C-alpha atoms as a PDB file:
ATOM      1  CA  UNK A   1      -5.035   0.597   5.083  1.00  0.00           C
ATOM      2  CA  UNK A   2      -2.265   1.299   7.542  1.00  0.00           C
ATOM      3  CA  UNK A   3       1.387   0.914   6.633  1.00  0.00           C
ATOM      4  CA  UNK A   4       2.811  -2.476   7.554  1.00  0.00           C
ATOM      5  CA  UNK A   5       6.274  -2.953   8.968  1.00  0.00           C
ATOM      6  CA  UNK A   6       6.390  -6.740   8.724  1.00  0.00           C
ATOM      7  CA  UNK A   7       5.053  -7.913   5.380  1.00  0.00           C
ATOM      8  CA  UNK A   8       7.790 -10.179   4.058  1.00  0.00           C
ATOM      9  CA  UNK A   9       8.042 -11.941   0.731  1.00  0.00           C
ATOM     10  CA  UNK A  10      10.174 -14.993  -0.084  1.00  0.00           C
ATOM     11  CA  UNK A  11      10.898 -16.681  -3.395  1.00  0.00           C
ATOM     12  CA  UNK A  12      11.714 -20.294  -4.221  1.00  0.00           C
ATOM     13  CA  UNK A  13      12.611 -21.818  -7.580  1.00  0.00           C
ATOM     14  CA  UNK A  14      10.308 -24.793  -8.136  1.00  0.00           C
ATOM     15  CA  UNK A  15      11.353 -26.102 -11.504  1.00  0.00           C
ATOM     16  CA  UNK A  16      13.233 -25.134 -14.576  1.00  0.00           C
ATOM     17  CA  UNK A  17      12.079 -26.236 -17.955  1.00  0.00           C
ATOM     18  CA  UNK A  18      13.353 -25.939 -21.442  1.00  0.00           C
ATOM     19  CA  UNK A  19      11.817 -25.357 -24.758  1.00  0.00           C
ATOM     20  CA  UNK A  20      13.132 -24.522 -28.131  1.00  0.00           C
ATOM     21  CA  UNK A  21      14.821 -21.184 -27.595  1.00  0.00           C
ATOM     22  CA  UNK A  22      12.855 -19.886 -24.597  1.00  0.00           C
ATOM     23  CA  UNK A  23      13.385 -21.456 -21.198  1.00  0.00           C
ATOM     24  CA  UNK A  24      11.237 -20.653 -18.194  1.00  0.00           C
ATOM     25  CA  UNK A  25      11.432 -21.216 -14.496  1.00  0.00           C
ATOM     26  CA  UNK A  26       8.481 -21.535 -12.126  1.00  0.00           C
ATOM     27  CA  UNK A  27       9.022 -19.689  -8.874  1.00  0.00           C
ATOM     28  CA  UNK A  28       6.888 -19.788  -5.767  1.00  0.00           C
ATOM     29  CA  UNK A  29       6.295 -16.528  -3.925  1.00  0.00           C
ATOM     30  CA  UNK A  30       5.477 -16.931  -0.238  1.00  0.00           C
ATOM     31  CA  UNK A  31       4.724 -14.183   2.262  1.00  0.00           C
ATOM     32  CA  UNK A  32       3.559 -13.556   5.792  1.00  0.00           C
ATOM     33  CA  UNK A  33      -0.182 -12.960   5.983  1.00  0.00           C
ATOM     34  CA  UNK A  34      -1.148  -9.322   6.352  1.00  0.00           C
ATOM     35  CA  UNK A  35      -2.129  -8.714  10.008  1.00  0.00           C
ATOM     36  CA  UNK A  36      -5.233  -6.595   9.299  1.00  0.00           C
ATOM     37  CA  UNK A  37      -8.504  -8.500   9.749  1.00  0.00           C
ATOM     38  CA  UNK A  38     -10.143  -6.770   6.765  1.00  0.00           C
ATOM     39  CA  UNK A  39      -7.701  -8.191   4.169  1.00  0.00           C
ATOM     40  CA  UNK A  40      -9.664 -10.038   1.465  1.00  0.00           C
ATOM     41  CA  UNK A  41      -6.933 -10.816  -1.064  1.00  0.00           C
ATOM     42  CA  UNK A  42      -3.486 -10.257  -2.504  1.00  0.00           C
ATOM     43  CA  UNK A  43      -1.894  -9.093  -5.748  1.00  0.00           C
ATOM     44  CA  UNK A  44       1.611  -9.963  -6.967  1.00  0.00           C
ATOM     45  CA  UNK A  45       3.586  -7.768  -9.340  1.00  0.00           C
ATOM     46  CA  UNK A  46       6.673  -8.532 -11.405  1.00  0.00           C
ATOM     47  CA  UNK A  47       9.356  -6.478 -13.085  1.00  0.00           C
ATOM     48  CA  UNK A  48      12.567  -7.272 -14.899  1.00  0.00           C
ATOM     49  CA  UNK A  49      15.825  -5.456 -14.207  1.00  0.00           C
ATOM     50  CA  UNK A  50      15.703  -1.727 -15.120  1.00  0.00           C
ATOM     51  CA  UNK A  51      11.892  -1.765 -15.477  1.00  0.00           C
ATOM     52  CA  UNK A  52       9.093  -0.458 -13.248  1.00  0.00           C
ATOM     53  CA  UNK A  53       6.236  -2.401 -11.708  1.00  0.00           C
ATOM     54  CA  UNK A  54       2.983  -2.218 -13.686  1.00  0.00           C
ATOM     55  CA  UNK A  55       0.510  -1.816 -10.824  1.00  0.00           C
ATOM     56  CA  UNK A  56      -2.414  -1.871 -13.264  1.00  0.00           C
ATOM     57  CA  UNK A  57      -1.595  -5.444 -14.331  1.00  0.00           C
ATOM     58  CA  UNK A  58      -0.752  -7.866 -11.514  1.00  0.00           C
ATOM     59  CA  UNK A  59       0.949 -11.077 -12.597  1.00  0.00           C
ATOM     60  CA  UNK A  60      -1.261 -12.909 -10.055  1.00  0.00           C
ATOM     61  CA  UNK A  61      -4.146 -12.035  -7.752  1.00  0.00           C
ATOM     62  CA  UNK A  62      -6.605 -13.774  -5.457  1.00  0.00           C
ATOM     63  CA  UNK A  63      -9.735 -12.743  -3.599  1.00  0.00           C
ATOM     64  CA  UNK A  64     -10.572 -15.126  -0.782  1.00  0.00           C
ATOM     65  CA  UNK A  65     -14.189 -15.622  -1.870  1.00  0.00           C
ATOM     66  CA  UNK A  66     -13.074 -16.680  -5.397  1.00  0.00           C
ATOM     67  CA  UNK A  67     -11.235 -19.814  -4.257  1.00  0.00           C
ATOM     68  CA  UNK A  68     -11.533 -22.561  -1.689  1.00  0.00           C
ATOM     69  CA  UNK A  69      -7.922 -23.705  -2.080  1.00  0.00           C
ATOM     70  CA  UNK A  70      -6.043 -20.538  -1.114  1.00  0.00           C
ATOM     71  CA  UNK A  71      -4.569 -20.710   2.395  1.00  0.00           C
ATOM     72  CA  UNK A  72      -4.963 -17.418   4.255  1.00  0.00           C
ATOM     73  CA  UNK A  73      -2.463 -18.444   6.957  1.00  0.00           C
ATOM     74  CA  UNK A  74       0.455 -19.226   4.620  1.00  0.00           C
ATOM     75  CA  UNK A  75      -0.183 -17.440   1.321  1.00  0.00           C
ATOM     76  CA  UNK A  76       1.752 -18.471  -1.794  1.00  0.00           C
ATOM     77  CA  UNK A  77       1.513 -18.261  -5.574  1.00  0.00           C
ATOM     78  CA  UNK A  78       3.439 -19.691  -8.536  1.00  0.00           C
ATOM     79  CA  UNK A  79       4.762 -17.449 -11.311  1.00  0.00           C
ATOM     80  CA  UNK A  80       6.628 -18.373 -14.507  1.00  0.00           C
ATOM     81  CA  UNK A  81       9.687 -16.265 -15.367  1.00  0.00           C
ATOM     82  CA  UNK A  82      12.335 -16.272 -18.065  1.00  0.00           C
ATOM     83  CA  UNK A  83      15.057 -18.633 -16.832  1.00  0.00           C
ATOM     84  CA  UNK A  84      17.917 -16.260 -17.710  1.00  0.00           C
ATOM     85  CA  UNK A  85      16.427 -12.892 -16.682  1.00  0.00           C
ATOM     86  CA  UNK A  86      16.852 -11.213 -13.280  1.00  0.00           C
ATOM     87  CA  UNK A  87      13.270 -10.724 -12.070  1.00  0.00           C
ATOM     88  CA  UNK A  88      11.853  -8.866  -9.047  1.00  0.00           C
ATOM     89  CA  UNK A  89       8.541  -9.266  -7.195  1.00  0.00           C
ATOM     90  CA  UNK A  90       6.368  -7.443  -4.659  1.00  0.00           C
ATOM     91  CA  UNK A  91       2.995  -8.348  -3.143  1.00  0.00           C
ATOM     92  CA  UNK A  92       0.205  -6.033  -1.998  1.00  0.00           C
ATOM     93  CA  UNK A  93      -2.696  -6.879   0.300  1.00  0.00           C
ATOM     94  CA  UNK A  94      -6.215  -5.800  -0.669  1.00  0.00           C
ATOM     95  CA  UNK A  95      -8.871  -4.891   1.906  1.00  0.00           C
ATOM     96  CA  UNK A  96     -12.672  -5.095   1.726  1.00  0.00           C
ATOM     97  CA  UNK A  97     -12.852  -1.443   0.566  1.00  0.00           C
ATOM     98  CA  UNK A  98     -10.566  -2.146  -2.395  1.00  0.00           C
ATOM     99  CA  UNK A  99      -7.612  -0.300  -0.859  1.00  0.00           C
ATOM    100  CA  UNK A 100      -4.142  -1.743  -1.402  1.00  0.00           C
ATOM    101  CA  UNK A 101      -1.333  -1.930   1.139  1.00  0.00           C
ATOM    102  CA  UNK A 102       2.103  -0.591   0.420  1.00  0.00           C
ATOM    103  CA  UNK A 103       4.506  -2.967  -1.330  1.00  0.00           C
ATOM    104  CA  UNK A 104       5.958  -5.895   0.555  1.00  0.00           C
ATOM    105  CA  UNK A 105       9.709  -6.074   0.557  1.00  0.00           C
ATOM    106  CA  UNK A 106      11.109  -6.855  -2.888  1.00  0.00           C
ATOM    107  CA  UNK A 107      12.156 -10.454  -3.559  1.00  0.00           C
ATOM    108  CA  UNK A 108      14.291 -11.366  -6.564  1.00  0.00           C
ATOM    109  CA  UNK A 109      14.850 -14.367  -8.803  1.00  0.00           C
ATOM    110  CA  UNK A 110      18.501 -14.596  -9.818  1.00  0.00           C
ATOM    111  CA  UNK A 111      19.126 -16.525 -13.026  1.00  0.00           C
ATOM    112  CA  UNK A 112      21.639 -19.368 -13.086  1.00  0.00           C
ATOM    113  CA  UNK A 113      25.027 -18.647 -14.658  1.00  0.00           C
ATOM    114  CA  UNK A 114      25.291 -19.405 -18.327  1.00  0.00           C
ATOM    115  CA  UNK A 115      27.420 -22.497 -18.933  1.00  0.00           C
ATOM    116  CA  UNK A 116      28.818 -24.151 -21.995  1.00  0.00           C
ATOM    117  CA  UNK A 117      28.791 -21.061 -24.154  1.00  0.00           C
ATOM    118  CA  UNK A 118      31.682 -20.320 -26.452  1.00  0.00           C
ATOM    119  CA  UNK A 119      32.556 -16.986 -27.924  1.00  0.00           C
END
């Protein structure tokens, strides 16, 4: 698979929820479709600050023949993250031969500032 110059990834915070002790946020990753005609799917990877991506374990993946609801023209996926942890994402395209593209640009989820805490 050839190297892609324009493979951009965006991130949007959908909702923030709370639980007892562990709060999560659902973020939507959105990216430009890969321009190669032989792309058959995508994989998304996540890392927290000061960690590396685990390319053996995508946080999300799709193959076009596995779903009827995935839109090839405006690809997106939802991922849950820890509400108060800086988190980074990249997406890779997958072709019919099983080859992966290089990483998209890195998009980041920035946690909200902590409020109401006393020390």
